[in-house]
mmCIF file of all heavy atoms, coordinates in Angstrom:
data_MODEL
# 
_entry.id   MODEL 
# 
loop_
_atom_site.group_PDB 
_atom_site.id 
_atom_site.type_symbol 
_atom_site.label_atom_id 
_atom_site.label_alt_id 
_atom_site.label_comp_id 
_atom_site.label_asym_id 
_atom_site.label_entity_id 
_atom_site.label_seq_id 
_atom_site.pdbx_PDB_ins_code 
_atom_site.Cartn_x 
_atom_site.Cartn_y 
_atom_site.Cartn_z 
_atom_site.occupancy 
_atom_site.B_iso_or_equiv 
_atom_site.pdbx_formal_charge 
_atom_site.auth_seq_id 
_atom_site.auth_comp_id 
_atom_site.auth_asym_id 
_atom_site.auth_atom_id 
_atom_site.pdbx_PDB_model_num 
ATOM 1   N N   . ASN A 1 1  ? -8.476  -19.016 -4.249 1.00 0.00 ? 1  ASN A N   1 
ATOM 2   C CA  . ASN A 1 1  ? -9.216  -17.791 -3.947 1.00 0.00 ? 1  ASN A CA  1 
ATOM 3   C C   . ASN A 1 1  ? -8.527  -17.001 -2.842 1.00 0.00 ? 1  ASN A C   1 
ATOM 4   O O   . ASN A 1 1  ? -8.427  -15.768 -2.904 1.00 0.00 ? 1  ASN A O   1 
ATOM 5   C CB  . ASN A 1 1  ? -10.644 -18.120 -3.548 1.00 0.00 ? 1  ASN A CB  1 
ATOM 6   C CG  . ASN A 1 1  ? -11.492 -16.876 -3.354 1.00 0.00 ? 1  ASN A CG  1 
ATOM 7   O OD1 . ASN A 1 1  ? -11.573 -16.035 -4.243 1.00 0.00 ? 1  ASN A OD1 1 
ATOM 8   N ND2 . ASN A 1 1  ? -12.101 -16.741 -2.193 1.00 0.00 ? 1  ASN A ND2 1 
ATOM 9   N N   . GLU A 1 2  ? -8.032  -17.701 -1.815 1.00 0.00 ? 2  GLU A N   1 
ATOM 10  C CA  . GLU A 1 2  ? -7.326  -17.018 -0.737 1.00 0.00 ? 2  GLU A CA  1 
ATOM 11  C C   . GLU A 1 2  ? -6.046  -16.375 -1.251 1.00 0.00 ? 2  GLU A C   1 
ATOM 12  O O   . GLU A 1 2  ? -5.669  -15.277 -0.812 1.00 0.00 ? 2  GLU A O   1 
ATOM 13  C CB  . GLU A 1 2  ? -7.025  -18.007 0.390  1.00 0.00 ? 2  GLU A CB  1 
ATOM 14  C CG  . GLU A 1 2  ? -8.276  -18.466 1.144  1.00 0.00 ? 2  GLU A CG  1 
ATOM 15  C CD  . GLU A 1 2  ? -7.969  -19.522 2.179  1.00 0.00 ? 2  GLU A CD  1 
ATOM 16  O OE1 . GLU A 1 2  ? -6.842  -20.082 2.146  1.00 0.00 ? 2  GLU A OE1 1 
ATOM 17  O OE2 . GLU A 1 2  ? -8.850  -19.819 3.006  1.00 0.00 ? 2  GLU A OE2 1 
ATOM 18  N N   . GLU A 1 3  ? -5.367  -17.025 -2.202 1.00 0.00 ? 3  GLU A N   1 
ATOM 19  C CA  . GLU A 1 3  ? -4.168  -16.445 -2.785 1.00 0.00 ? 3  GLU A CA  1 
ATOM 20  C C   . GLU A 1 3  ? -4.508  -15.189 -3.570 1.00 0.00 ? 3  GLU A C   1 
ATOM 21  O O   . GLU A 1 3  ? -3.769  -14.193 -3.536 1.00 0.00 ? 3  GLU A O   1 
ATOM 22  C CB  . GLU A 1 3  ? -3.490  -17.460 -3.702 1.00 0.00 ? 3  GLU A CB  1 
ATOM 23  C CG  . GLU A 1 3  ? -2.289  -16.918 -4.460 1.00 0.00 ? 3  GLU A CG  1 
ATOM 24  C CD  . GLU A 1 3  ? -1.202  -16.381 -3.545 1.00 0.00 ? 3  GLU A CD  1 
ATOM 25  O OE1 . GLU A 1 3  ? -1.079  -16.869 -2.397 1.00 0.00 ? 3  GLU A OE1 1 
ATOM 26  O OE2 . GLU A 1 3  ? -0.474  -15.466 -3.976 1.00 0.00 ? 3  GLU A OE2 1 
ATOM 27  N N   . ARG A 1 4  ? -5.646  -15.191 -4.282 1.00 0.00 ? 4  ARG A N   1 
ATOM 28  C CA  . ARG A 1 4  ? -6.093  -13.976 -4.987 1.00 0.00 ? 4  ARG A CA  1 
ATOM 29  C C   . ARG A 1 4  ? -6.319  -12.847 -3.997 1.00 0.00 ? 4  ARG A C   1 
ATOM 30  O O   . ARG A 1 4  ? -5.892  -11.703 -4.234 1.00 0.00 ? 4  ARG A O   1 
ATOM 31  C CB  . ARG A 1 4  ? -7.388  -14.257 -5.745 1.00 0.00 ? 4  ARG A CB  1 
ATOM 32  C CG  . ARG A 1 4  ? -7.987  -13.011 -6.401 1.00 0.00 ? 4  ARG A CG  1 
ATOM 33  C CD  . ARG A 1 4  ? -9.397  -13.272 -6.886 1.00 0.00 ? 4  ARG A CD  1 
ATOM 34  N NE  . ARG A 1 4  ? -10.310 -13.590 -5.809 1.00 0.00 ? 4  ARG A NE  1 
ATOM 35  C CZ  . ARG A 1 4  ? -10.897 -12.684 -5.019 1.00 0.00 ? 4  ARG A CZ  1 
ATOM 36  N NH1 . ARG A 1 4  ? -10.642 -11.396 -5.188 1.00 0.00 ? 4  ARG A NH1 1 
ATOM 37  N NH2 . ARG A 1 4  ? -11.716 -13.055 -4.056 1.00 0.00 ? 4  ARG A NH2 1 
ATOM 38  N N   . ILE A 1 5  ? -6.964  -13.140 -2.878 1.00 0.00 ? 5  ILE A N   1 
ATOM 39  C CA  . ILE A 1 5  ? -7.233  -12.112 -1.871 1.00 0.00 ? 5  ILE A CA  1 
ATOM 40  C C   . ILE A 1 5  ? -5.925  -11.568 -1.306 1.00 0.00 ? 5  ILE A C   1 
ATOM 41  O O   . ILE A 1 5  ? -5.749  -10.356 -1.150 1.00 0.00 ? 5  ILE A O   1 
ATOM 42  C CB  . ILE A 1 5  ? -8.125  -12.681 -0.753 1.00 0.00 ? 5  ILE A CB  1 
ATOM 43  C CG1 . ILE A 1 5  ? -9.515  -13.033 -1.309 1.00 0.00 ? 5  ILE A CG1 1 
ATOM 44  C CG2 . ILE A 1 5  ? -8.249  -11.692 0.400  1.00 0.00 ? 5  ILE A CG2 1 
ATOM 45  C CD1 . ILE A 1 5  ? -10.393 -13.756 -0.322 1.00 0.00 ? 5  ILE A CD1 1 
ATOM 46  N N   . ARG A 1 6  ? -4.979  -12.469 -0.988 1.00 0.00 ? 6  ARG A N   1 
ATOM 47  C CA  . ARG A 1 6  ? -3.687  -12.021 -0.454 1.00 0.00 ? 6  ARG A CA  1 
ATOM 48  C C   . ARG A 1 6  ? -2.954  -11.153 -1.469 1.00 0.00 ? 6  ARG A C   1 
ATOM 49  O O   . ARG A 1 6  ? -2.344  -10.136 -1.105 1.00 0.00 ? 6  ARG A O   1 
ATOM 50  C CB  . ARG A 1 6  ? -2.836  -13.236 -0.063 1.00 0.00 ? 6  ARG A CB  1 
ATOM 51  C CG  . ARG A 1 6  ? -3.224  -13.893 1.253  1.00 0.00 ? 6  ARG A CG  1 
ATOM 52  C CD  . ARG A 1 6  ? -2.170  -14.880 1.691  1.00 0.00 ? 6  ARG A CD  1 
ATOM 53  N NE  . ARG A 1 6  ? -2.123  -16.039 0.820  1.00 0.00 ? 6  ARG A NE  1 
ATOM 54  C CZ  . ARG A 1 6  ? -2.821  -17.149 1.024  1.00 0.00 ? 6  ARG A CZ  1 
ATOM 55  N NH1 . ARG A 1 6  ? -3.621  -17.234 2.072  1.00 0.00 ? 6  ARG A NH1 1 
ATOM 56  N NH2 . ARG A 1 6  ? -2.721  -18.168 0.197  1.00 0.00 ? 6  ARG A NH2 1 
ATOM 57  N N   . ARG A 1 7  ? -3.005  -11.552 -2.741 1.00 0.00 ? 7  ARG A N   1 
ATOM 58  C CA  . ARG A 1 7  ? -2.322  -10.786 -3.776 1.00 0.00 ? 7  ARG A CA  1 
ATOM 59  C C   . ARG A 1 7  ? -2.922  -9.388  -3.907 1.00 0.00 ? 7  ARG A C   1 
ATOM 60  O O   . ARG A 1 7  ? -2.186  -8.387  -3.992 1.00 0.00 ? 7  ARG A O   1 
ATOM 61  C CB  . ARG A 1 7  ? -2.434  -11.536 -5.107 1.00 0.00 ? 7  ARG A CB  1 
ATOM 62  C CG  . ARG A 1 7  ? -1.662  -10.886 -6.251 1.00 0.00 ? 7  ARG A CG  1 
ATOM 63  C CD  . ARG A 1 7  ? -1.654  -11.781 -7.475 1.00 0.00 ? 7  ARG A CD  1 
ATOM 64  N NE  . ARG A 1 7  ? -2.995  -12.063 -7.957 1.00 0.00 ? 7  ARG A NE  1 
ATOM 65  C CZ  . ARG A 1 7  ? -3.613  -13.234 -7.851 1.00 0.00 ? 7  ARG A CZ  1 
ATOM 66  N NH1 . ARG A 1 7  ? -3.013  -14.252 -7.237 1.00 0.00 ? 7  ARG A NH1 1 
ATOM 67  N NH2 . ARG A 1 7  ? -4.834  -13.413 -8.323 1.00 0.00 ? 7  ARG A NH2 1 
ATOM 68  N N   . GLU A 1 8  ? -4.243  -9.293  -3.891 1.00 0.00 ? 8  GLU A N   1 
ATOM 69  C CA  . GLU A 1 8  ? -4.888  -7.993  -4.018 1.00 0.00 ? 8  GLU A CA  1 
ATOM 70  C C   . GLU A 1 8  ? -4.646  -7.134  -2.780 1.00 0.00 ? 8  GLU A C   1 
ATOM 71  O O   . GLU A 1 8  ? -4.434  -5.924  -2.889 1.00 0.00 ? 8  GLU A O   1 
ATOM 72  C CB  . GLU A 1 8  ? -6.385  -8.185  -4.258 1.00 0.00 ? 8  GLU A CB  1 
ATOM 73  C CG  . GLU A 1 8  ? -6.695  -8.808  -5.623 1.00 0.00 ? 8  GLU A CG  1 
ATOM 74  C CD  . GLU A 1 8  ? -8.177  -9.011  -5.841 1.00 0.00 ? 8  GLU A CD  1 
ATOM 75  O OE1 . GLU A 1 8  ? -8.959  -8.752  -4.898 1.00 0.00 ? 8  GLU A OE1 1 
ATOM 76  O OE2 . GLU A 1 8  ? -8.561  -9.439  -6.945 1.00 0.00 ? 8  GLU A OE2 1 
ATOM 77  N N   . LEU A 1 9  ? -4.655  -7.758  -1.597 1.00 0.00 ? 9  LEU A N   1 
ATOM 78  C CA  . LEU A 1 9  ? -4.380  -6.996  -0.371 1.00 0.00 ? 9  LEU A CA  1 
ATOM 79  C C   . LEU A 1 9  ? -2.941  -6.491  -0.360 1.00 0.00 ? 9  LEU A C   1 
ATOM 80  O O   . LEU A 1 9  ? -2.670  -5.365  0.096  1.00 0.00 ? 9  LEU A O   1 
ATOM 81  C CB  . LEU A 1 9  ? -4.642  -7.867  0.857  1.00 0.00 ? 9  LEU A CB  1 
ATOM 82  C CG  . LEU A 1 9  ? -6.119  -8.153  1.189  1.00 0.00 ? 9  LEU A CG  1 
ATOM 83  C CD1 . LEU A 1 9  ? -6.216  -9.117  2.363  1.00 0.00 ? 9  LEU A CD1 1 
ATOM 84  C CD2 . LEU A 1 9  ? -6.862  -6.865  1.495  1.00 0.00 ? 9  LEU A CD2 1 
ATOM 85  N N   . ALA A 1 10 ? -2.002  -7.311  -0.849 1.00 0.00 ? 10 ALA A N   1 
ATOM 86  C CA  . ALA A 1 10 ? -0.605  -6.875  -0.909 1.00 0.00 ? 10 ALA A CA  1 
ATOM 87  C C   . ALA A 1 10 ? -0.447  -5.694  -1.851 1.00 0.00 ? 10 ALA A C   1 
ATOM 88  O O   . ALA A 1 10 ? 0.314   -4.755  -1.562 1.00 0.00 ? 10 ALA A O   1 
ATOM 89  C CB  . ALA A 1 10 ? 0.278   -8.041  -1.354 1.00 0.00 ? 10 ALA A CB  1 
ATOM 90  N N   . GLN A 1 11 ? -1.158  -5.724  -2.974 1.00 0.00 ? 11 GLN A N   1 
ATOM 91  C CA  . GLN A 1 11 ? -1.101  -4.601  -3.909 1.00 0.00 ? 11 GLN A CA  1 
ATOM 92  C C   . GLN A 1 11 ? -1.661  -3.333  -3.272 1.00 0.00 ? 11 GLN A C   1 
ATOM 93  O O   . GLN A 1 11 ? -1.087  -2.246  -3.406 1.00 0.00 ? 11 GLN A O   1 
ATOM 94  C CB  . GLN A 1 11 ? -1.877  -4.953  -5.176 1.00 0.00 ? 11 GLN A CB  1 
ATOM 95  C CG  . GLN A 1 11 ? -1.226  -6.053  -6.006 1.00 0.00 ? 11 GLN A CG  1 
ATOM 96  C CD  . GLN A 1 11 ? -2.114  -6.536  -7.133 1.00 0.00 ? 11 GLN A CD  1 
ATOM 97  O OE1 . GLN A 1 11 ? -3.311  -6.222  -7.196 1.00 0.00 ? 11 GLN A OE1 1 
ATOM 98  N NE2 . GLN A 1 11 ? -1.557  -7.309  -8.044 1.00 0.00 ? 11 GLN A NE2 1 
ATOM 99  N N   . MET A 1 12 ? -2.788  -3.474  -2.568 1.00 0.00 ? 12 MET A N   1 
ATOM 100 C CA  . MET A 1 12 ? -3.379  -2.312  -1.902 1.00 0.00 ? 12 MET A CA  1 
ATOM 101 C C   . MET A 1 12 ? -2.473  -1.791  -0.794 1.00 0.00 ? 12 MET A C   1 
ATOM 102 O O   . MET A 1 12 ? -2.330  -0.579  -0.611 1.00 0.00 ? 12 MET A O   1 
ATOM 103 C CB  . MET A 1 12 ? -4.757  -2.675  -1.351 1.00 0.00 ? 12 MET A CB  1 
ATOM 104 C CG  . MET A 1 12 ? -5.816  -2.852  -2.415 1.00 0.00 ? 12 MET A CG  1 
ATOM 105 S SD  . MET A 1 12 ? -7.463  -3.121  -1.725 1.00 0.00 ? 12 MET A SD  1 
ATOM 106 C CE  . MET A 1 12 ? -7.284  -4.774  -1.067 1.00 0.00 ? 12 MET A CE  1 
ATOM 107 N N   . GLN A 1 13 ? -1.827  -2.721  -0.025 1.00 0.00 ? 13 GLN A N   1 
ATOM 108 C CA  . GLN A 1 13 ? -0.947  -2.289  1.049  1.00 0.00 ? 13 GLN A CA  1 
ATOM 109 C C   . GLN A 1 13 ? 0.261   -1.545  0.491  1.00 0.00 ? 13 GLN A C   1 
ATOM 110 O O   . GLN A 1 13 ? 0.711   -0.545  1.060  1.00 0.00 ? 13 GLN A O   1 
ATOM 111 C CB  . GLN A 1 13 ? -0.486  -3.506  1.857  1.00 0.00 ? 13 GLN A CB  1 
ATOM 112 C CG  . GLN A 1 13 ? 0.336   -3.142  3.096  1.00 0.00 ? 13 GLN A CG  1 
ATOM 113 C CD  . GLN A 1 13 ? -0.456  -2.309  4.081  1.00 0.00 ? 13 GLN A CD  1 
ATOM 114 O OE1 . GLN A 1 13 ? -1.551  -2.687  4.490  1.00 0.00 ? 13 GLN A OE1 1 
ATOM 115 N NE2 . GLN A 1 13 ? 0.090   -1.167  4.492  1.00 0.00 ? 13 GLN A NE2 1 
ATOM 116 N N   . ALA A 1 14 ? 0.794   -2.038  -0.642 1.00 0.00 ? 14 ALA A N   1 
ATOM 117 C CA  . ALA A 1 14 ? 1.930   -1.362  -1.257 1.00 0.00 ? 14 ALA A CA  1 
ATOM 118 C C   . ALA A 1 14 ? 1.560   0.055   -1.674 1.00 0.00 ? 14 ALA A C   1 
ATOM 119 O O   . ALA A 1 14 ? 2.335   1.002   -1.494 1.00 0.00 ? 14 ALA A O   1 
ATOM 120 C CB  . ALA A 1 14 ? 2.425   -2.171  -2.457 1.00 0.00 ? 14 ALA A CB  1 
ATOM 121 N N   . LYS A 1 15 ? 0.362   0.217   -2.235 1.00 0.00 ? 15 LYS A N   1 
ATOM 122 C CA  . LYS A 1 15 ? -0.085  1.554   -2.625 1.00 0.00 ? 15 LYS A CA  1 
ATOM 123 C C   . LYS A 1 15 ? -0.279  2.441   -1.405 1.00 0.00 ? 15 LYS A C   1 
ATOM 124 O O   . LYS A 1 15 ? 0.080   3.624   -1.418 1.00 0.00 ? 15 LYS A O   1 
ATOM 125 C CB  . LYS A 1 15 ? -1.389  1.452   -3.416 1.00 0.00 ? 15 LYS A CB  1 
ATOM 126 C CG  . LYS A 1 15 ? -1.237  0.795   -4.779 1.00 0.00 ? 15 LYS A CG  1 
ATOM 127 C CD  . LYS A 1 15 ? -2.573  0.718   -5.493 1.00 0.00 ? 15 LYS A CD  1 
ATOM 128 C CE  . LYS A 1 15 ? -2.421  0.075   -6.869 1.00 0.00 ? 15 LYS A CE  1 
ATOM 129 N NZ  . LYS A 1 15 ? -3.718  -0.036  -7.572 1.00 0.00 ? 15 LYS A NZ  1 
ATOM 130 N N   . LEU A 1 16 ? -0.830  1.866   -0.329 1.00 0.00 ? 16 LEU A N   1 
ATOM 131 C CA  . LEU A 1 16 ? -1.045  2.647   0.890  1.00 0.00 ? 16 LEU A CA  1 
ATOM 132 C C   . LEU A 1 16 ? 0.278   3.056   1.517  1.00 0.00 ? 16 LEU A C   1 
ATOM 133 O O   . LEU A 1 16 ? 0.431   4.196   1.968  1.00 0.00 ? 16 LEU A O   1 
ATOM 134 C CB  . LEU A 1 16 ? -1.881  1.835   1.876  1.00 0.00 ? 16 LEU A CB  1 
ATOM 135 C CG  . LEU A 1 16 ? -2.282  2.540   3.179  1.00 0.00 ? 16 LEU A CG  1 
ATOM 136 C CD1 . LEU A 1 16 ? -3.086  3.801   2.887  1.00 0.00 ? 16 LEU A CD1 1 
ATOM 137 C CD2 . LEU A 1 16 ? -3.077  1.599   4.075  1.00 0.00 ? 16 LEU A CD2 1 
ATOM 138 N N   . ASP A 1 17 ? 1.263   2.134   1.536  1.00 0.00 ? 17 ASP A N   1 
ATOM 139 C CA  . ASP A 1 17 ? 2.577   2.457   2.082  1.00 0.00 ? 17 ASP A CA  1 
ATOM 140 C C   . ASP A 1 17 ? 3.243   3.575   1.282  1.00 0.00 ? 17 ASP A C   1 
ATOM 141 O O   . ASP A 1 17 ? 3.865   4.483   1.851  1.00 0.00 ? 17 ASP A O   1 
ATOM 142 C CB  . ASP A 1 17 ? 3.459   1.209   2.083  1.00 0.00 ? 17 ASP A CB  1 
ATOM 143 C CG  . ASP A 1 17 ? 3.003   0.175   3.096  1.00 0.00 ? 17 ASP A CG  1 
ATOM 144 O OD1 . ASP A 1 17 ? 2.225   0.533   3.998  1.00 0.00 ? 17 ASP A OD1 1 
ATOM 145 O OD2 . ASP A 1 17 ? 3.403   -1.001  2.972  1.00 0.00 ? 17 ASP A OD2 1 
ATOM 146 N N   . ALA A 1 18 ? 3.123   3.493   -0.050 1.00 0.00 ? 18 ALA A N   1 
ATOM 147 C CA  . ALA A 1 18 ? 3.701   4.541   -0.893 1.00 0.00 ? 18 ALA A CA  1 
ATOM 148 C C   . ALA A 1 18 ? 3.030   5.881   -0.626 1.00 0.00 ? 18 ALA A C   1 
ATOM 149 O O   . ALA A 1 18 ? 3.694   6.931   -0.584 1.00 0.00 ? 18 ALA A O   1 
ATOM 150 C CB  . ALA A 1 18 ? 3.566   4.157   -2.364 1.00 0.00 ? 18 ALA A CB  1 
ATOM 151 N N   . LEU A 1 19 ? 1.725   5.861   -0.413 1.00 0.00 ? 19 LEU A N   1 
ATOM 152 C CA  . LEU A 1 19 ? 1.001   7.089   -0.120 1.00 0.00 ? 19 LEU A CA  1 
ATOM 153 C C   . LEU A 1 19 ? 1.429   7.668   1.220  1.00 0.00 ? 19 LEU A C   1 
ATOM 154 O O   . LEU A 1 19 ? 1.640   8.875   1.346  1.00 0.00 ? 19 LEU A O   1 
ATOM 155 C CB  . LEU A 1 19 ? -0.507  6.817   -0.133 1.00 0.00 ? 19 LEU A CB  1 
ATOM 156 C CG  . LEU A 1 19 ? -1.415  7.979   0.259  1.00 0.00 ? 19 LEU A CG  1 
ATOM 157 C CD1 . LEU A 1 19 ? -1.232  9.140   -0.702 1.00 0.00 ? 19 LEU A CD1 1 
ATOM 158 C CD2 . LEU A 1 19 ? -2.861  7.524   0.299  1.00 0.00 ? 19 LEU A CD2 1 
ATOM 159 N N   . ARG A 1 20 ? 1.607   6.803   2.228  1.00 0.00 ? 20 ARG A N   1 
ATOM 160 C CA  . ARG A 1 20 ? 2.036   7.286   3.539  1.00 0.00 ? 20 ARG A CA  1 
ATOM 161 C C   . ARG A 1 20 ? 3.427   7.929   3.445  1.00 0.00 ? 20 ARG A C   1 
ATOM 162 O O   . ARG A 1 20 ? 3.684   8.976   4.047  1.00 0.00 ? 20 ARG A O   1 
ATOM 163 C CB  . ARG A 1 20 ? 2.056   6.131   4.550  1.00 0.00 ? 20 ARG A CB  1 
ATOM 164 C CG  . ARG A 1 20 ? 0.680   5.613   4.934  1.00 0.00 ? 20 ARG A CG  1 
ATOM 165 C CD  . ARG A 1 20 ? 0.784   4.566   6.025  1.00 0.00 ? 20 ARG A CD  1 
ATOM 166 N NE  . ARG A 1 20 ? -0.465  3.929   6.296  1.00 0.00 ? 20 ARG A NE  1 
ATOM 167 C CZ  . ARG A 1 20 ? -1.421  4.426   7.086  1.00 0.00 ? 20 ARG A CZ  1 
ATOM 168 N NH1 . ARG A 1 20 ? -1.221  5.593   7.668  1.00 0.00 ? 20 ARG A NH1 1 
ATOM 169 N NH2 . ARG A 1 20 ? -2.544  3.769   7.280  1.00 0.00 ? 20 ARG A NH2 1 
ATOM 170 N N   . ARG A 1 21 ? 4.333   7.270   2.694  1.00 0.00 ? 21 ARG A N   1 
ATOM 171 C CA  . ARG A 1 21 ? 5.682   7.836   2.548  1.00 0.00 ? 21 ARG A CA  1 
ATOM 172 C C   . ARG A 1 21 ? 5.622   9.185   1.857  1.00 0.00 ? 21 ARG A C   1 
ATOM 173 O O   . ARG A 1 21 ? 6.352   10.120  2.230  1.00 0.00 ? 21 ARG A O   1 
ATOM 174 C CB  . ARG A 1 21 ? 6.566   6.862   1.761  1.00 0.00 ? 21 ARG A CB  1 
ATOM 175 C CG  . ARG A 1 21 ? 6.951   5.611   2.532  1.00 0.00 ? 21 ARG A CG  1 
ATOM 176 C CD  . ARG A 1 21 ? 8.062   4.862   1.817  1.00 0.00 ? 21 ARG A CD  1 
ATOM 177 N NE  . ARG A 1 21 ? 7.638   4.381   0.510  1.00 0.00 ? 21 ARG A NE  1 
ATOM 178 C CZ  . ARG A 1 21 ? 7.087   3.195   0.291  1.00 0.00 ? 21 ARG A CZ  1 
ATOM 179 N NH1 . ARG A 1 21 ? 6.876   2.364   1.324  1.00 0.00 ? 21 ARG A NH1 1 
ATOM 180 N NH2 . ARG A 1 21 ? 6.746   2.822   -0.924 1.00 0.00 ? 21 ARG A NH2 1 
ATOM 181 N N   . GLU A 1 22 ? 4.769   9.291   0.856  1.00 0.00 ? 22 GLU A N   1 
ATOM 182 C CA  . GLU A 1 22 ? 4.646   10.555  0.132  1.00 0.00 ? 22 GLU A CA  1 
ATOM 183 C C   . GLU A 1 22 ? 4.096   11.644  1.036  1.00 0.00 ? 22 GLU A C   1 
ATOM 184 O O   . GLU A 1 22 ? 4.570   12.791  1.016  1.00 0.00 ? 22 GLU A O   1 
ATOM 185 C CB  . GLU A 1 22 ? 3.739   10.345  -1.081 1.00 0.00 ? 22 GLU A CB  1 
ATOM 186 C CG  . GLU A 1 22 ? 3.612   11.569  -1.951 1.00 0.00 ? 22 GLU A CG  1 
ATOM 187 C CD  . GLU A 1 22 ? 2.748   11.273  -3.166 1.00 0.00 ? 22 GLU A CD  1 
ATOM 188 O OE1 . GLU A 1 22 ? 2.950   10.216  -3.793 1.00 0.00 ? 22 GLU A OE1 1 
ATOM 189 O OE2 . GLU A 1 22 ? 1.880   12.101  -3.461 1.00 0.00 ? 22 GLU A OE2 1 
ATOM 190 N N   . LEU A 1 23 ? 3.112   11.313  1.867  1.00 0.00 ? 23 LEU A N   1 
ATOM 191 C CA  . LEU A 1 23 ? 2.557   12.297  2.788  1.00 0.00 ? 23 LEU A CA  1 
ATOM 192 C C   . LEU A 1 23 ? 3.594   12.727  3.820  1.00 0.00 ? 23 LEU A C   1 
ATOM 193 O O   . LEU A 1 23 ? 3.674   13.897  4.186  1.00 0.00 ? 23 LEU A O   1 
ATOM 194 C CB  . LEU A 1 23 ? 1.320   11.719  3.488  1.00 0.00 ? 23 LEU A CB  1 
ATOM 195 C CG  . LEU A 1 23 ? 0.091   11.494  2.603  1.00 0.00 ? 23 LEU A CG  1 
ATOM 196 C CD1 . LEU A 1 23 ? -1.014  10.832  3.407  1.00 0.00 ? 23 LEU A CD1 1 
ATOM 197 C CD2 . LEU A 1 23 ? -0.396  12.801  2.015  1.00 0.00 ? 23 LEU A CD2 1 
ATOM 198 N N   . GLU A 1 24 ? 4.408   11.766  4.262  1.00 0.00 ? 24 GLU A N   1 
ATOM 199 C CA  . GLU A 1 24 ? 5.464   12.112  5.216  1.00 0.00 ? 24 GLU A CA  1 
ATOM 200 C C   . GLU A 1 24 ? 6.492   13.028  4.570  1.00 0.00 ? 24 GLU A C   1 
ATOM 201 O O   . GLU A 1 24 ? 6.973   13.979  5.196  1.00 0.00 ? 24 GLU A O   1 
ATOM 202 C CB  . GLU A 1 24 ? 6.126   10.830  5.723  1.00 0.00 ? 24 GLU A CB  1 
ATOM 203 C CG  . GLU A 1 24 ? 5.224   9.989   6.624  1.00 0.00 ? 24 GLU A CG  1 
ATOM 204 C CD  . GLU A 1 24 ? 5.833   8.635   6.939  1.00 0.00 ? 24 GLU A CD  1 
ATOM 205 O OE1 . GLU A 1 24 ? 6.935   8.336   6.413  1.00 0.00 ? 24 GLU A OE1 1 
ATOM 206 O OE2 . GLU A 1 24 ? 5.214   7.874   7.696  1.00 0.00 ? 24 GLU A OE2 1 
ATOM 207 N N   . ASP A 1 25 ? 6.844   12.743  3.305  1.00 0.00 ? 25 ASP A N   1 
ATOM 208 C CA  . ASP A 1 25 ? 7.794   13.617  2.603  1.00 0.00 ? 25 ASP A CA  1 
ATOM 209 C C   . ASP A 1 25 ? 7.227   15.016  2.438  1.00 0.00 ? 25 ASP A C   1 
ATOM 210 O O   . ASP A 1 25 ? 7.934   16.016  2.639  1.00 0.00 ? 25 ASP A O   1 
ATOM 211 C CB  . ASP A 1 25 ? 8.112   13.021  1.228  1.00 0.00 ? 25 ASP A CB  1 
ATOM 212 C CG  . ASP A 1 25 ? 8.924   11.745  1.324  1.00 0.00 ? 25 ASP A CG  1 
ATOM 213 O OD1 . ASP A 1 25 ? 9.513   11.499  2.403  1.00 0.00 ? 25 ASP A OD1 1 
ATOM 214 O OD2 . ASP A 1 25 ? 8.954   10.987  0.337  1.00 0.00 ? 25 ASP A OD2 1 
ATOM 215 N N   . ASN A 1 26 ? 5.950   15.102  2.103  1.00 0.00 ? 26 ASN A N   1 
ATOM 216 C CA  . ASN A 1 26 ? 5.322   16.419  1.953  1.00 0.00 ? 26 ASN A CA  1 
ATOM 217 C C   . ASN A 1 26 ? 5.302   17.166  3.270  1.00 0.00 ? 26 ASN A C   1 
ATOM 218 O O   . ASN A 1 26 ? 5.518   18.381  3.343  1.00 0.00 ? 26 ASN A O   1 
ATOM 219 C CB  . ASN A 1 26 ? 3.900   16.266  1.406  1.00 0.00 ? 26 ASN A CB  1 
ATOM 220 C CG  . ASN A 1 26 ? 3.867   15.868  -0.055 1.00 0.00 ? 26 ASN A CG  1 
ATOM 221 O OD1 . ASN A 1 26 ? 4.832   16.086  -0.784 1.00 0.00 ? 26 ASN A OD1 1 
ATOM 222 N ND2 . ASN A 1 26 ? 2.781   15.256  -0.471 1.00 0.00 ? 26 ASN A ND2 1 
ATOM 223 N N   . SER A 1 27 ? 5.028   16.399  4.361  1.00 0.00 ? 27 SER A N   1 
ATOM 224 C CA  . SER A 1 27 ? 4.978   17.020  5.682  1.00 0.00 ? 27 SER A CA  1 
ATOM 225 C C   . SER A 1 27 ? 6.359   17.526  6.088  1.00 0.00 ? 27 SER A C   1 
ATOM 226 O O   . SER A 1 27 ? 6.503   18.608  6.654  1.00 0.00 ? 27 SER A O   1 
ATOM 227 C CB  . SER A 1 27 ? 4.460   16.027  6.706  1.00 0.00 ? 27 SER A CB  1 
ATOM 228 O OG  . SER A 1 27 ? 4.402   16.609  7.996  1.00 0.00 ? 27 SER A OG  1 
ATOM 229 N N   . ASP A 1 28 ? 7.407   16.730  5.750  1.00 0.00 ? 28 ASP A N   1 
ATOM 230 C CA  . ASP A 1 28 ? 8.786   17.149  6.079  1.00 0.00 ? 28 ASP A CA  1 
ATOM 231 C C   . ASP A 1 28 ? 9.146   18.426  5.314  1.00 0.00 ? 28 ASP A C   1 
ATOM 232 O O   . ASP A 1 28 ? 9.784   19.321  5.863  1.00 0.00 ? 28 ASP A O   1 
ATOM 233 C CB  . ASP A 1 28 ? 9.774   16.032  5.751  1.00 0.00 ? 28 ASP A CB  1 
ATOM 234 C CG  . ASP A 1 28 ? 9.624   14.845  6.681  1.00 0.00 ? 28 ASP A CG  1 
ATOM 235 O OD1 . ASP A 1 28 ? 9.045   15.013  7.753  1.00 0.00 ? 28 ASP A OD1 1 
ATOM 236 O OD2 . ASP A 1 28 ? 10.089  13.743  6.307  1.00 0.00 ? 28 ASP A OD2 1 
# 
């Protein structure tokens, strides 16, 4: 169960990181 949580959190973090990079590119 903890591995499932880590896997889902990693997926969400990857999406959040991609969103932050995209916002930074738009801002630039």
